[in-house]
Amino acid sequence: MLLPLITILVGLIGLLWSADRFVGAAAATAHRAGMSTLLIGMTIVALGTSAPEILVSIMAALDGIPNLATGNALGSNIANIGLVLGVTALVAPIPVRFSIVRRELPLLLGATGLAGYALANGILGRFDALFLLALLIFSLWWLFRADTPDEAAPEQVPDMTLAKALAWLTLTLALLVVSSRLLVWGASELARGFGISELVIGLTIVAIGTSLPELAACVSSALKRHHDIAIGNVIGSNLFNMLAVLPIPGMLAPGPIDPAAASRDFPTMLTLTLLLGALLLWQRHGAIGRLPGGALTLLYVGYLGWLALSH
């Protein structure tokens, strides 16, 4: 058990170091390229921090354990709202822009609903996967078409050229992926020693491990006052998880899914997503403060307790 513990430690250190620099590079890229920081959070940061989920799901599906991949997608969305957004709001209240409510929230709600429809019959097939991937392409087109560049204050953006920002973005993205993979491998090895099912491993150990980049990036963004990256990253990551990660087992290993995924875990994810939508609508001219952040965190802890009792 010594090697898994070492890889967990190395993965955590790598995540914390790279996430801080990744956010700075993303903000600089947004400013220099004329893109809004919200769009950067919804696309580059979200895709970058969702890369571990994508890689883990591909490997799990190819290894013949698609339930781990499905649990990873659902569990990561649950963790992103309950753990990532909850902890970030506890660290620093997150202002909500009306554009998020008007443009990004409907995409997330629509993707969540269609993912539930794909899982409802207990089978995740290639048609379901292609349908979700088509919606991903539409969502990216919609976000880029509707983007409005902003002018970030000089003190909010690291002083670096576009080329340097892109180089740091690439380097730290690679480190995020490697660090997450190390952490997930170590945690999964420890979990298997306790006889935990593939779905529960995906929902907990793997989902939390692959959500750590989002947590580190969002907390770092909030502390640096890049609020659009923080909240845009959570929404964007959840969108990618439903439209890019969930289709992977359907494409590579189509077939039946664990019934608990549709009866227990998807309803939990849907409830948290609707709660997030209600918070954004309620605070569309305010901020998600520490009280809602604490409530989201407690809900996530309660969900983990539910998993432990039902296992």
C-alpha atoms as a PDB file:
ATOM      1  CA  MET A   1       0.000   0.000   0.000  1.00  0.00           C
ATOM      2  CA  LEU A   2       3.042   2.313   0.178  1.00  0.00           C
ATOM      3  CA  LEU A   3       3.200   3.004  -3.585  1.00  0.00           C
ATOM      4  CA  PRO A   4      -0.489   4.050  -3.873  1.00  0.00           C
ATOM      5  CA  LEU A   5      -0.049   6.403  -0.895  1.00  0.00           C
ATOM      6  CA  ILE A   6       3.014   8.001  -2.508  1.00  0.00           C
ATOM      7  CA  THR A   7       1.217   8.496  -5.833  1.00  0.00           C
ATOM      8  CA  ILE A   8      -1.739  10.125  -4.038  1.00  0.00           C
ATOM      9  CA  LEU A   9       0.610  12.586  -2.325  1.00  0.00           C
ATOM     10  CA  VAL A  10       2.520  13.376  -5.533  1.00  0.00           C
ATOM     11  CA  GLY A  11      -0.776  13.819  -7.405  1.00  0.00           C
ATOM     12  CA  LEU A  12      -2.135  16.257  -4.828  1.00  0.00           C
ATOM     13  CA  ILE A  13       1.041  18.352  -4.853  1.00  0.00           C
ATOM     14  CA  GLY A  14       1.026  18.454  -8.646  1.00  0.00           C
ATOM     15  CA  LEU A  15      -2.630  19.481  -8.737  1.00  0.00           C
ATOM     16  CA  LEU A  16      -2.235  22.318  -6.262  1.00  0.00           C
ATOM     17  CA  TRP A  17       0.875  23.706  -7.973  1.00  0.00           C
ATOM     18  CA  SER A  18      -0.398  23.499 -11.530  1.00  0.00           C
ATOM     19  CA  ALA A  19      -3.971  24.686 -10.913  1.00  0.00           C
ATOM     20  CA  ASP A  20      -2.809  28.055  -9.609  1.00  0.00           C
ATOM     21  CA  ARG A  21      -0.695  28.717 -12.694  1.00  0.00           C
ATOM     22  CA  PHE A  22      -3.286  27.252 -15.036  1.00  0.00           C
ATOM     23  CA  VAL A  23      -5.883  29.822 -13.973  1.00  0.00           C
ATOM     24  CA  GLY A  24      -3.430  32.684 -14.425  1.00  0.00           C
ATOM     25  CA  ALA A  25      -2.517  31.483 -17.900  1.00  0.00           C
ATOM     26  CA  ALA A  26      -6.211  31.100 -18.796  1.00  0.00           C
ATOM     27  CA  ALA A  27      -6.996  34.643 -17.661  1.00  0.00           C
ATOM     28  CA  ALA A  28      -4.037  36.011 -19.632  1.00  0.00           C
ATOM     29  CA  THR A  29      -5.080  34.047 -22.716  1.00  0.00           C
ATOM     30  CA  ALA A  30      -8.614  35.425 -22.443  1.00  0.00           C
ATOM     31  CA  HIS A  31      -7.365  38.990 -22.183  1.00  0.00           C
ATOM     32  CA  ARG A  32      -4.736  38.816 -24.942  1.00  0.00           C
ATOM     33  CA  ALA A  33      -6.913  36.899 -27.407  1.00  0.00           C
ATOM     34  CA  GLY A  34      -9.931  39.164 -26.883  1.00  0.00           C
ATOM     35  CA  MET A  35     -12.095  36.426 -25.391  1.00  0.00           C
ATOM     36  CA  SER A  36     -14.148  36.902 -22.254  1.00  0.00           C
ATOM     37  CA  THR A  37     -12.924  35.268 -19.063  1.00  0.00           C
ATOM     38  CA  LEU A  38     -16.334  33.593 -18.773  1.00  0.00           C
ATOM     39  CA  LEU A  39     -15.889  31.865 -22.135  1.00  0.00           C
ATOM     40  CA  ILE A  40     -12.369  30.772 -21.163  1.00  0.00           C
ATOM     41  CA  GLY A  41     -13.828  29.254 -17.988  1.00  0.00           C
ATOM     42  CA  MET A  42     -16.598  27.544 -19.955  1.00  0.00           C
ATOM     43  CA  THR A  43     -14.272  26.059 -22.602  1.00  0.00           C
ATOM     44  CA  ILE A  44     -10.483  25.982 -22.114  1.00  0.00           C
ATOM     45  CA  VAL A  45     -10.445  25.710 -18.309  1.00  0.00           C
ATOM     46  CA  ALA A  46     -13.493  23.437 -18.234  1.00  0.00           C
ATOM     47  CA  LEU A  47     -12.148  21.125 -20.947  1.00  0.00           C
ATOM     48  CA  GLY A  48      -8.701  21.151 -19.374  1.00  0.00           C
ATOM     49  CA  THR A  49      -9.925  20.203 -15.929  1.00  0.00           C
ATOM     50  CA  SER A  50     -12.341  17.663 -17.450  1.00  0.00           C
ATOM     51  CA  ALA A  51      -9.478  15.945 -19.274  1.00  0.00           C
ATOM     52  CA  PRO A  52      -8.880  13.532 -16.340  1.00  0.00           C
ATOM     53  CA  GLU A  53     -12.523  12.400 -16.471  1.00  0.00           C
ATOM     54  CA  ILE A  54     -12.244  11.887 -20.231  1.00  0.00           C
ATOM     55  CA  LEU A  55      -9.001   9.899 -19.968  1.00  0.00           C
ATOM     56  CA  VAL A  56     -10.224   7.791 -17.052  1.00  0.00           C
ATOM     57  CA  SER A  57     -13.497   7.002 -18.859  1.00  0.00           C
ATOM     58  CA  ILE A  58     -11.670   5.972 -22.033  1.00  0.00           C
ATOM     59  CA  MET A  59      -9.353   3.645 -20.130  1.00  0.00           C
ATOM     60  CA  ALA A  60     -12.204   2.205 -18.047  1.00  0.00           C
ATOM     61  CA  ALA A  61     -14.359   1.533 -21.122  1.00  0.00           C
ATOM     62  CA  LEU A  62     -11.453  -0.072 -22.993  1.00  0.00           C
ATOM     63  CA  ASP A  63     -10.728  -2.226 -19.936  1.00  0.00           C
ATOM     64  CA  GLY A  64     -14.305  -3.511 -19.962  1.00  0.00           C
ATOM     65  CA  ILE A  65     -15.505  -1.670 -16.836  1.00  0.00           C
ATOM     66  CA  PRO A  66     -17.969   0.910 -18.276  1.00  0.00           C
ATOM     67  CA  ASN A  67     -19.755   1.269 -14.929  1.00  0.00           C
ATOM     68  CA  LEU A  68     -16.655   2.970 -13.561  1.00  0.00           C
ATOM     69  CA  ALA A  69     -16.775   5.408 -16.487  1.00  0.00           C
ATOM     70  CA  THR A  70     -20.499   6.093 -15.964  1.00  0.00           C
ATOM     71  CA  GLY A  71     -19.973   6.589 -12.239  1.00  0.00           C
ATOM     72  CA  ASN A  72     -17.091   8.931 -13.017  1.00  0.00           C
ATOM     73  CA  ALA A  73     -19.286  11.192 -15.183  1.00  0.00           C
ATOM     74  CA  LEU A  74     -22.240  11.304 -12.761  1.00  0.00           C
ATOM     75  CA  GLY A  75     -20.084  11.461  -9.633  1.00  0.00           C
ATOM     76  CA  SER A  76     -17.935  14.268 -11.021  1.00  0.00           C
ATOM     77  CA  ASN A  77     -20.994  16.438 -11.664  1.00  0.00           C
ATOM     78  CA  ILE A  78     -22.264  15.760  -8.153  1.00  0.00           C
ATOM     79  CA  ALA A  79     -18.833  16.600  -6.747  1.00  0.00           C
ATOM     80  CA  ASN A  80     -18.507  19.734  -8.896  1.00  0.00           C
ATOM     81  CA  ILE A  81     -21.695  21.244  -7.477  1.00  0.00           C
ATOM     82  CA  GLY A  82     -21.642  19.918  -3.920  1.00  0.00           C
ATOM     83  CA  LEU A  83     -17.906  19.889  -3.228  1.00  0.00           C
ATOM     84  CA  VAL A  84     -16.243  22.276  -5.710  1.00  0.00           C
ATOM     85  CA  LEU A  85     -18.832  25.055  -5.813  1.00  0.00           C
ATOM     86  CA  GLY A  86     -19.700  24.598  -2.147  1.00  0.00           C
ATOM     87  CA  VAL A  87     -16.103  24.859  -0.922  1.00  0.00           C
ATOM     88  CA  THR A  88     -15.333  27.717  -3.332  1.00  0.00           C
ATOM     89  CA  ALA A  89     -18.296  29.722  -1.997  1.00  0.00           C
ATOM     90  CA  LEU A  90     -17.115  29.032   1.557  1.00  0.00           C
ATOM     91  CA  VAL A  91     -13.674  30.429   0.660  1.00  0.00           C
ATOM     92  CA  ALA A  92     -15.010  33.535  -1.112  1.00  0.00           C
ATOM     93  CA  PRO A  93     -18.588  34.458  -2.160  1.00  0.00           C
ATOM     94  CA  ILE A  94     -19.006  34.063  -5.943  1.00  0.00           C
ATOM     95  CA  PRO A  95     -20.723  36.923  -7.827  1.00  0.00           C
ATOM     96  CA  VAL A  96     -23.277  35.772 -10.401  1.00  0.00           C
ATOM     97  CA  ARG A  97     -23.558  37.484 -13.774  1.00  0.00           C
ATOM     98  CA  PHE A  98     -26.927  37.567 -15.499  1.00  0.00           C
ATOM     99  CA  SER A  99     -25.338  36.262 -18.728  1.00  0.00           C
ATOM    100  CA  ILE A 100     -24.674  32.955 -16.957  1.00  0.00           C
ATOM    101  CA  VAL A 101     -28.366  32.605 -16.125  1.00  0.00           C
ATOM    102  CA  ARG A 102     -29.459  33.651 -19.597  1.00  0.00           C
ATOM    103  CA  ARG A 103     -27.015  31.659 -21.717  1.00  0.00           C
ATOM    104  CA  GLU A 104     -25.088  28.895 -19.937  1.00  0.00           C
ATOM    105  CA  LEU A 105     -27.681  27.611 -17.449  1.00  0.00           C
ATOM    106  CA  PRO A 106     -30.220  26.503 -20.109  1.00  0.00           C
ATOM    107  CA  LEU A 107     -27.461  24.506 -21.855  1.00  0.00           C
ATOM    108  CA  LEU A 108     -26.547  22.705 -18.642  1.00  0.00           C
ATOM    109  CA  LEU A 109     -30.160  21.967 -17.723  1.00  0.00           C
ATOM    110  CA  GLY A 110     -30.874  20.705 -21.225  1.00  0.00           C
ATOM    111  CA  ALA A 111     -27.776  18.482 -21.274  1.00  0.00           C
ATOM    112  CA  THR A 112     -28.645  17.054 -17.854  1.00  0.00           C
ATOM    113  CA  GLY A 113     -32.205  16.260 -18.899  1.00  0.00           C
ATOM    114  CA  LEU A 114     -31.118  14.564 -22.139  1.00  0.00           C
ATOM    115  CA  ALA A 115     -28.469  12.552 -20.294  1.00  0.00           C
ATOM    116  CA  GLY A 116     -31.205  11.313 -17.970  1.00  0.00           C
ATOM    117  CA  TYR A 117     -33.286  10.318 -20.985  1.00  0.00           C
ATOM    118  CA  ALA A 118     -30.314   8.348 -22.367  1.00  0.00           C
ATOM    119  CA  LEU A 119     -29.910   6.481 -19.055  1.00  0.00           C
ATOM    120  CA  ALA A 120     -33.620   5.903 -18.397  1.00  0.00           C
ATOM    121  CA  ASN A 121     -33.878   2.559 -20.190  1.00  0.00           C
ATOM    122  CA  GLY A 122     -30.886   1.124 -18.339  1.00  0.00           C
ATOM    123  CA  ILE A 123     -28.775   0.854 -21.494  1.00  0.00           C
ATOM    124  CA  LEU A 124     -26.156   3.308 -22.744  1.00  0.00           C
ATOM    125  CA  GLY A 125     -25.693   2.651 -26.462  1.00  0.00           C
ATOM    126  CA  ARG A 126     -23.945   4.211 -29.430  1.00  0.00           C
ATOM    127  CA  PHE A 127     -27.033   6.141 -30.533  1.00  0.00           C
ATOM    128  CA  ASP A 128     -27.259   7.745 -27.077  1.00  0.00           C
ATOM    129  CA  ALA A 129     -23.551   8.601 -27.240  1.00  0.00           C
ATOM    130  CA  LEU A 130     -23.773  10.145 -30.723  1.00  0.00           C
ATOM    131  CA  PHE A 131     -26.812  12.185 -29.676  1.00  0.00           C
ATOM    132  CA  LEU A 132     -24.963  13.620 -26.660  1.00  0.00           C
ATOM    133  CA  LEU A 133     -21.837  14.348 -28.735  1.00  0.00           C
ATOM    134  CA  ALA A 134     -23.960  16.209 -31.296  1.00  0.00           C
ATOM    135  CA  LEU A 135     -25.338  18.357 -28.471  1.00  0.00           C
ATOM    136  CA  LEU A 136     -21.754  19.041 -27.333  1.00  0.00           C
ATOM    137  CA  ILE A 137     -20.885  20.422 -30.775  1.00  0.00           C
ATOM    138  CA  PHE A 138     -23.991  22.611 -30.730  1.00  0.00           C
ATOM    139  CA  SER A 139     -23.184  23.875 -27.215  1.00  0.00           C
ATOM    140  CA  LEU A 140     -19.645  24.888 -28.194  1.00  0.00           C
ATOM    141  CA  TRP A 141     -20.938  26.677 -31.290  1.00  0.00           C
ATOM    142  CA  TRP A 142     -23.550  28.488 -29.214  1.00  0.00           C
ATOM    143  CA  LEU A 143     -21.045  29.642 -26.590  1.00  0.00           C
ATOM    144  CA  PHE A 144     -18.546  30.983 -29.107  1.00  0.00           C
ATOM    145  CA  ARG A 145     -21.249  32.645 -31.199  1.00  0.00           C
ATOM    146  CA  ALA A 146     -22.704  34.495 -28.208  1.00  0.00           C
ATOM    147  CA  ASP A 147     -19.390  35.450 -26.569  1.00  0.00           C
ATOM    148  CA  THR A 148     -18.743  39.092 -25.730  1.00  0.00           C
ATOM    149  CA  PRO A 149     -15.117  40.034 -24.968  1.00  0.00           C
ATOM    150  CA  ASP A 150     -14.532  41.845 -21.700  1.00  0.00           C
ATOM    151  CA  GLU A 151     -11.770  44.163 -20.556  1.00  0.00           C
ATOM    152  CA  ALA A 152     -10.208  42.764 -17.423  1.00  0.00           C
ATOM    153  CA  ALA A 153      -8.383  45.176 -15.160  1.00  0.00           C
ATOM    154  CA  PRO A 154      -4.575  44.981 -15.611  1.00  0.00           C
ATOM    155  CA  GLU A 155      -4.071  43.875 -12.002  1.00  0.00           C
ATOM    156  CA  GLN A 156      -6.394  40.919 -12.571  1.00  0.00           C
ATOM    157  CA  VAL A 157      -4.361  39.487 -15.459  1.00  0.00           C
ATOM    158  CA  PRO A 158      -0.777  38.147 -15.249  1.00  0.00           C
ATOM    159  CA  ASP A 159       1.675  40.225 -17.288  1.00  0.00           C
ATOM    160  CA  MET A 160       2.564  37.783 -20.069  1.00  0.00           C
ATOM    161  CA  THR A 161       2.361  37.668 -23.838  1.00  0.00           C
ATOM    162  CA  LEU A 162      -0.176  35.492 -25.643  1.00  0.00           C
ATOM    163  CA  ALA A 163       2.556  33.039 -26.669  1.00  0.00           C
ATOM    164  CA  LYS A 164       3.825  32.719 -23.095  1.00  0.00           C
ATOM    165  CA  ALA A 165       0.281  32.354 -21.741  1.00  0.00           C
ATOM    166  CA  LEU A 166      -0.479  29.572 -24.230  1.00  0.00           C
ATOM    167  CA  ALA A 167       2.787  27.818 -23.353  1.00  0.00           C
ATOM    168  CA  TRP A 168       1.954  27.911 -19.625  1.00  0.00           C
ATOM    169  CA  LEU A 169      -1.610  26.810 -20.405  1.00  0.00           C
ATOM    170  CA  THR A 170      -0.309  23.747 -22.269  1.00  0.00           C
ATOM    171  CA  LEU A 171       2.333  22.879 -19.666  1.00  0.00           C
ATOM    172  CA  THR A 172       0.045  23.189 -16.661  1.00  0.00           C
ATOM    173  CA  LEU A 173      -2.763  21.342 -18.450  1.00  0.00           C
ATOM    174  CA  ALA A 174      -0.404  18.404 -19.019  1.00  0.00           C
ATOM    175  CA  LEU A 175       0.640  18.473 -15.364  1.00  0.00           C
ATOM    176  CA  LEU A 176      -3.008  18.589 -14.257  1.00  0.00           C
ATOM    177  CA  VAL A 177      -3.766  15.477 -16.289  1.00  0.00           C
ATOM    178  CA  VAL A 178      -0.694  13.554 -15.081  1.00  0.00           C
ATOM    179  CA  SER A 179      -1.232  14.560 -11.453  1.00  0.00           C
ATOM    180  CA  SER A 180      -4.903  13.566 -11.570  1.00  0.00           C
ATOM    181  CA  ARG A 181      -4.025  10.226 -13.113  1.00  0.00           C
ATOM    182  CA  LEU A 182      -1.503   9.495 -10.366  1.00  0.00           C
ATOM    183  CA  LEU A 183      -3.998  10.399  -7.662  1.00  0.00           C
ATOM    184  CA  VAL A 184      -6.811   8.362  -9.186  1.00  0.00           C
ATOM    185  CA  TRP A 185      -4.605   5.310  -9.665  1.00  0.00           C
ATOM    186  CA  GLY A 186      -3.412   5.399  -6.075  1.00  0.00           C
ATOM    187  CA  ALA A 187      -6.893   5.955  -4.677  1.00  0.00           C
ATOM    188  CA  SER A 188      -8.398   3.233  -6.862  1.00  0.00           C
ATOM    189  CA  GLU A 189      -5.763   0.719  -5.754  1.00  0.00           C
ATOM    190  CA  LEU A 190      -6.575   1.466  -2.117  1.00  0.00           C
ATOM    191  CA  ALA A 191     -10.329   1.226  -2.776  1.00  0.00           C
ATOM    192  CA  ARG A 192     -10.050  -2.146  -4.484  1.00  0.00           C
ATOM    193  CA  GLY A 193      -8.352  -3.479  -1.393  1.00  0.00           C
ATOM    194  CA  PHE A 194     -11.615  -2.855   0.475  1.00  0.00           C
ATOM    195  CA  GLY A 195     -13.790  -4.594  -2.145  1.00  0.00           C
ATOM    196  CA  ILE A 196     -15.686  -1.492  -3.320  1.00  0.00           C
ATOM    197  CA  SER A 197     -17.805  -1.909  -6.480  1.00  0.00           C
ATOM    198  CA  GLU A 198     -16.797  -0.338  -9.802  1.00  0.00           C
ATOM    199  CA  LEU A 199     -19.738   2.064  -9.810  1.00  0.00           C
ATOM    200  CA  VAL A 200     -19.046   3.275  -6.270  1.00  0.00           C
ATOM    201  CA  ILE A 201     -15.331   3.650  -7.059  1.00  0.00           C
ATOM    202  CA  GLY A 202     -16.309   5.808 -10.039  1.00  0.00           C
ATOM    203  CA  LEU A 203     -18.788   7.844  -7.991  1.00  0.00           C
ATOM    204  CA  THR A 204     -16.423   8.501  -5.083  1.00  0.00           C
ATOM    205  CA  ILE A 205     -12.676   7.875  -5.354  1.00  0.00           C
ATOM    206  CA  VAL A 206     -12.385   8.500  -9.095  1.00  0.00           C
ATOM    207  CA  ALA A 207     -14.973  11.317  -9.223  1.00  0.00           C
ATOM    208  CA  ILE A 208     -13.424  13.204  -6.300  1.00  0.00           C
ATOM    209  CA  GLY A 209      -9.929  12.624  -7.664  1.00  0.00           C
ATOM    210  CA  THR A 210     -10.787  13.879 -11.133  1.00  0.00           C
ATOM    211  CA  SER A 211     -12.756  16.813  -9.648  1.00  0.00           C
ATOM    212  CA  LEU A 212      -9.749  18.024  -7.667  1.00  0.00           C
ATOM    213  CA  PRO A 213      -8.481  20.078 -10.649  1.00  0.00           C
ATOM    214  CA  GLU A 214     -11.840  21.883 -10.715  1.00  0.00           C
ATOM    215  CA  LEU A 215     -11.677  22.417  -6.950  1.00  0.00           C
ATOM    216  CA  ALA A 216      -8.105  23.728  -7.033  1.00  0.00           C
ATOM    217  CA  ALA A 217      -8.771  25.895 -10.107  1.00  0.00           C
ATOM    218  CA  CYS A 218     -12.025  27.338  -8.716  1.00  0.00           C
ATOM    219  CA  VAL A 219     -10.623  28.129  -5.261  1.00  0.00           C
ATOM    220  CA  SER A 220      -7.567  29.726  -6.872  1.00  0.00           C
ATOM    221  CA  SER A 221      -9.827  31.706  -9.244  1.00  0.00           C
ATOM    222  CA  ALA A 222     -12.030  32.921  -6.393  1.00  0.00           C
ATOM    223  CA  LEU A 223      -9.039  34.036  -4.325  1.00  0.00           C
ATOM    224  CA  LYS A 224      -7.678  35.924  -7.352  1.00  0.00           C
ATOM    225  CA  ARG A 225     -11.110  37.462  -8.026  1.00  0.00           C
ATOM    226  CA  HIS A 226     -11.455  35.716 -11.409  1.00  0.00           C
ATOM    227  CA  HIS A 227     -15.040  34.899 -10.495  1.00  0.00           C
ATOM    228  CA  ASP A 228     -16.174  34.253 -14.071  1.00  0.00           C
ATOM    229  CA  ILE A 229     -13.589  31.489 -14.400  1.00  0.00           C
ATOM    230  CA  ALA A 230     -14.654  29.954 -11.078  1.00  0.00           C
ATOM    231  CA  ILE A 231     -18.377  29.614 -11.756  1.00  0.00           C
ATOM    232  CA  GLY A 232     -17.944  29.184 -15.514  1.00  0.00           C
ATOM    233  CA  ASN A 233     -15.573  26.296 -14.844  1.00  0.00           C
ATOM    234  CA  VAL A 234     -18.151  24.396 -12.765  1.00  0.00           C
ATOM    235  CA  ILE A 235     -20.919  24.861 -15.340  1.00  0.00           C
ATOM    236  CA  GLY A 236     -18.591  24.117 -18.248  1.00  0.00           C
ATOM    237  CA  SER A 237     -17.109  21.046 -16.591  1.00  0.00           C
ATOM    238  CA  ASN A 238     -20.555  19.623 -15.864  1.00  0.00           C
ATOM    239  CA  LEU A 239     -21.559  20.293 -19.459  1.00  0.00           C
ATOM    240  CA  PHE A 240     -18.467  18.465 -20.731  1.00  0.00           C
ATOM    241  CA  ASN A 241     -19.044  15.588 -18.314  1.00  0.00           C
ATOM    242  CA  MET A 242     -22.573  15.022 -19.632  1.00  0.00           C
ATOM    243  CA  LEU A 243     -21.780  15.553 -23.321  1.00  0.00           C
ATOM    244  CA  ALA A 244     -18.161  14.376 -23.659  1.00  0.00           C
ATOM    245  CA  VAL A 245     -17.445  11.984 -20.754  1.00  0.00           C
ATOM    246  CA  LEU A 246     -20.767  10.118 -20.417  1.00  0.00           C
ATOM    247  CA  PRO A 247     -20.886   9.175 -24.139  1.00  0.00           C
ATOM    248  CA  ILE A 248     -17.488   7.420 -23.923  1.00  0.00           C
ATOM    249  CA  PRO A 249     -18.732   4.128 -22.413  1.00  0.00           C
ATOM    250  CA  GLY A 250     -21.670   4.260 -24.844  1.00  0.00           C
ATOM    251  CA  MET A 251     -19.271   4.485 -27.783  1.00  0.00           C
ATOM    252  CA  LEU A 252     -16.542   2.091 -26.626  1.00  0.00           C
ATOM    253  CA  ALA A 253     -18.492  -0.401 -24.475  1.00  0.00           C
ATOM    254  CA  PRO A 254     -22.230  -0.046 -25.189  1.00  0.00           C
ATOM    255  CA  GLY A 255     -24.585  -2.074 -23.064  1.00  0.00           C
ATOM    256  CA  PRO A 256     -26.490  -2.199 -19.749  1.00  0.00           C
ATOM    257  CA  ILE A 257     -25.517   0.105 -16.892  1.00  0.00           C
ATOM    258  CA  ASP A 258     -25.704  -0.511 -13.156  1.00  0.00           C
ATOM    259  CA  PRO A 259     -29.389   0.127 -12.192  1.00  0.00           C
ATOM    260  CA  ALA A 260     -28.256   2.255  -9.222  1.00  0.00           C
ATOM    261  CA  ALA A 261     -26.799   4.812 -11.629  1.00  0.00           C
ATOM    262  CA  ALA A 262     -30.254   5.659 -12.997  1.00  0.00           C
ATOM    263  CA  SER A 263     -32.267   5.144  -9.799  1.00  0.00           C
ATOM    264  CA  ARG A 264     -29.959   6.738  -7.205  1.00  0.00           C
ATOM    265  CA  ASP A 265     -27.100   8.729  -8.710  1.00  0.00           C
ATOM    266  CA  PHE A 266     -28.713  10.501 -11.661  1.00  0.00           C
ATOM    267  CA  PRO A 267     -31.629  11.802  -9.502  1.00  0.00           C
ATOM    268  CA  THR A 268     -29.042  13.114  -7.023  1.00  0.00           C
ATOM    269  CA  MET A 269     -27.149  14.867  -9.813  1.00  0.00           C
ATOM    270  CA  LEU A 270     -30.398  16.266 -11.249  1.00  0.00           C
ATOM    271  CA  THR A 271     -31.472  17.588  -7.846  1.00  0.00           C
ATOM    272  CA  LEU A 272     -28.153  19.358  -7.301  1.00  0.00           C
ATOM    273  CA  THR A 273     -28.216  20.779 -10.835  1.00  0.00           C
ATOM    274  CA  LEU A 274     -31.720  22.168 -10.314  1.00  0.00           C
ATOM    275  CA  LEU A 275     -30.604  23.579  -6.952  1.00  0.00           C
ATOM    276  CA  LEU A 276     -27.666  25.269  -8.691  1.00  0.00           C
ATOM    277  CA  GLY A 277     -30.074  26.706 -11.246  1.00  0.00           C
ATOM    278  CA  ALA A 278     -32.307  28.046  -8.493  1.00  0.00           C
ATOM    279  CA  LEU A 279     -29.295  29.664  -6.774  1.00  0.00           C
ATOM    280  CA  LEU A 280     -28.182  31.321 -10.012  1.00  0.00           C
ATOM    281  CA  LEU A 281     -31.684  32.633 -10.704  1.00  0.00           C
ATOM    282  CA  TRP A 282     -32.099  33.843  -7.121  1.00  0.00           C
ATOM    283  CA  GLN A 283     -28.682  35.525  -7.039  1.00  0.00           C
ATOM    284  CA  ARG A 284     -28.485  36.630 -10.672  1.00  0.00           C
ATOM    285  CA  HIS A 285     -27.584  40.147  -9.528  1.00  0.00           C
ATOM    286  CA  GLY A 286     -25.870  39.076  -6.307  1.00  0.00           C
ATOM    287  CA  ALA A 287     -23.505  36.336  -5.180  1.00  0.00           C
ATOM    288  CA  ILE A 288     -23.493  32.715  -4.036  1.00  0.00           C
ATOM    289  CA  GLY A 289     -22.376  33.254  -0.462  1.00  0.00           C
ATOM    290  CA  ARG A 290     -21.041  31.132   2.355  1.00  0.00           C
ATOM    291  CA  LEU A 291     -24.451  29.953   3.589  1.00  0.00           C
ATOM    292  CA  PRO A 292     -25.444  28.315   0.259  1.00  0.00           C
ATOM    293  CA  GLY A 293     -21.856  27.092  -0.060  1.00  0.00           C
ATOM    294  CA  GLY A 294     -22.065  25.384   3.314  1.00  0.00           C
ATOM    295  CA  ALA A 295     -25.445  23.845   2.419  1.00  0.00           C
ATOM    296  CA  LEU A 296     -24.075  22.424  -0.844  1.00  0.00           C
ATOM    297  CA  THR A 297     -21.072  20.960   0.962  1.00  0.00           C
ATOM    298  CA  LEU A 298     -23.299  19.329   3.596  1.00  0.00           C
ATOM    299  CA  LEU A 299     -25.515  17.863   0.888  1.00  0.00           C
ATOM    300  CA  TYR A 300     -22.465  16.319  -0.735  1.00  0.00           C
ATOM    301  CA  VAL A 301     -21.287  14.844   2.563  1.00  0.00           C
ATOM    302  CA  GLY A 302     -24.799  13.433   3.046  1.00  0.00           C
ATOM    303  CA  TYR A 303     -24.665  11.837  -0.409  1.00  0.00           C
ATOM    304  CA  LEU A 304     -21.354  10.158   0.439  1.00  0.00           C
ATOM    305  CA  GLY A 305     -22.944   8.839   3.623  1.00  0.00           C
ATOM    306  CA  TRP A 306     -25.869   7.488   1.585  1.00  0.00           C
ATOM    307  CA  LEU A 307     -23.434   5.668  -0.709  1.00  0.00           C
ATOM    308  CA  ALA A 308     -21.608   4.190   2.287  1.00  0.00           C
ATOM    309  CA  LEU A 309     -24.852   2.923   3.831  1.00  0.00           C
ATOM    310  CA  SER A 310     -26.196   1.492   0.565  1.00  0.00           C
ATOM    311  CA  HIS A 311     -22.975  -0.269  -0.403  1.00  0.00           C
END
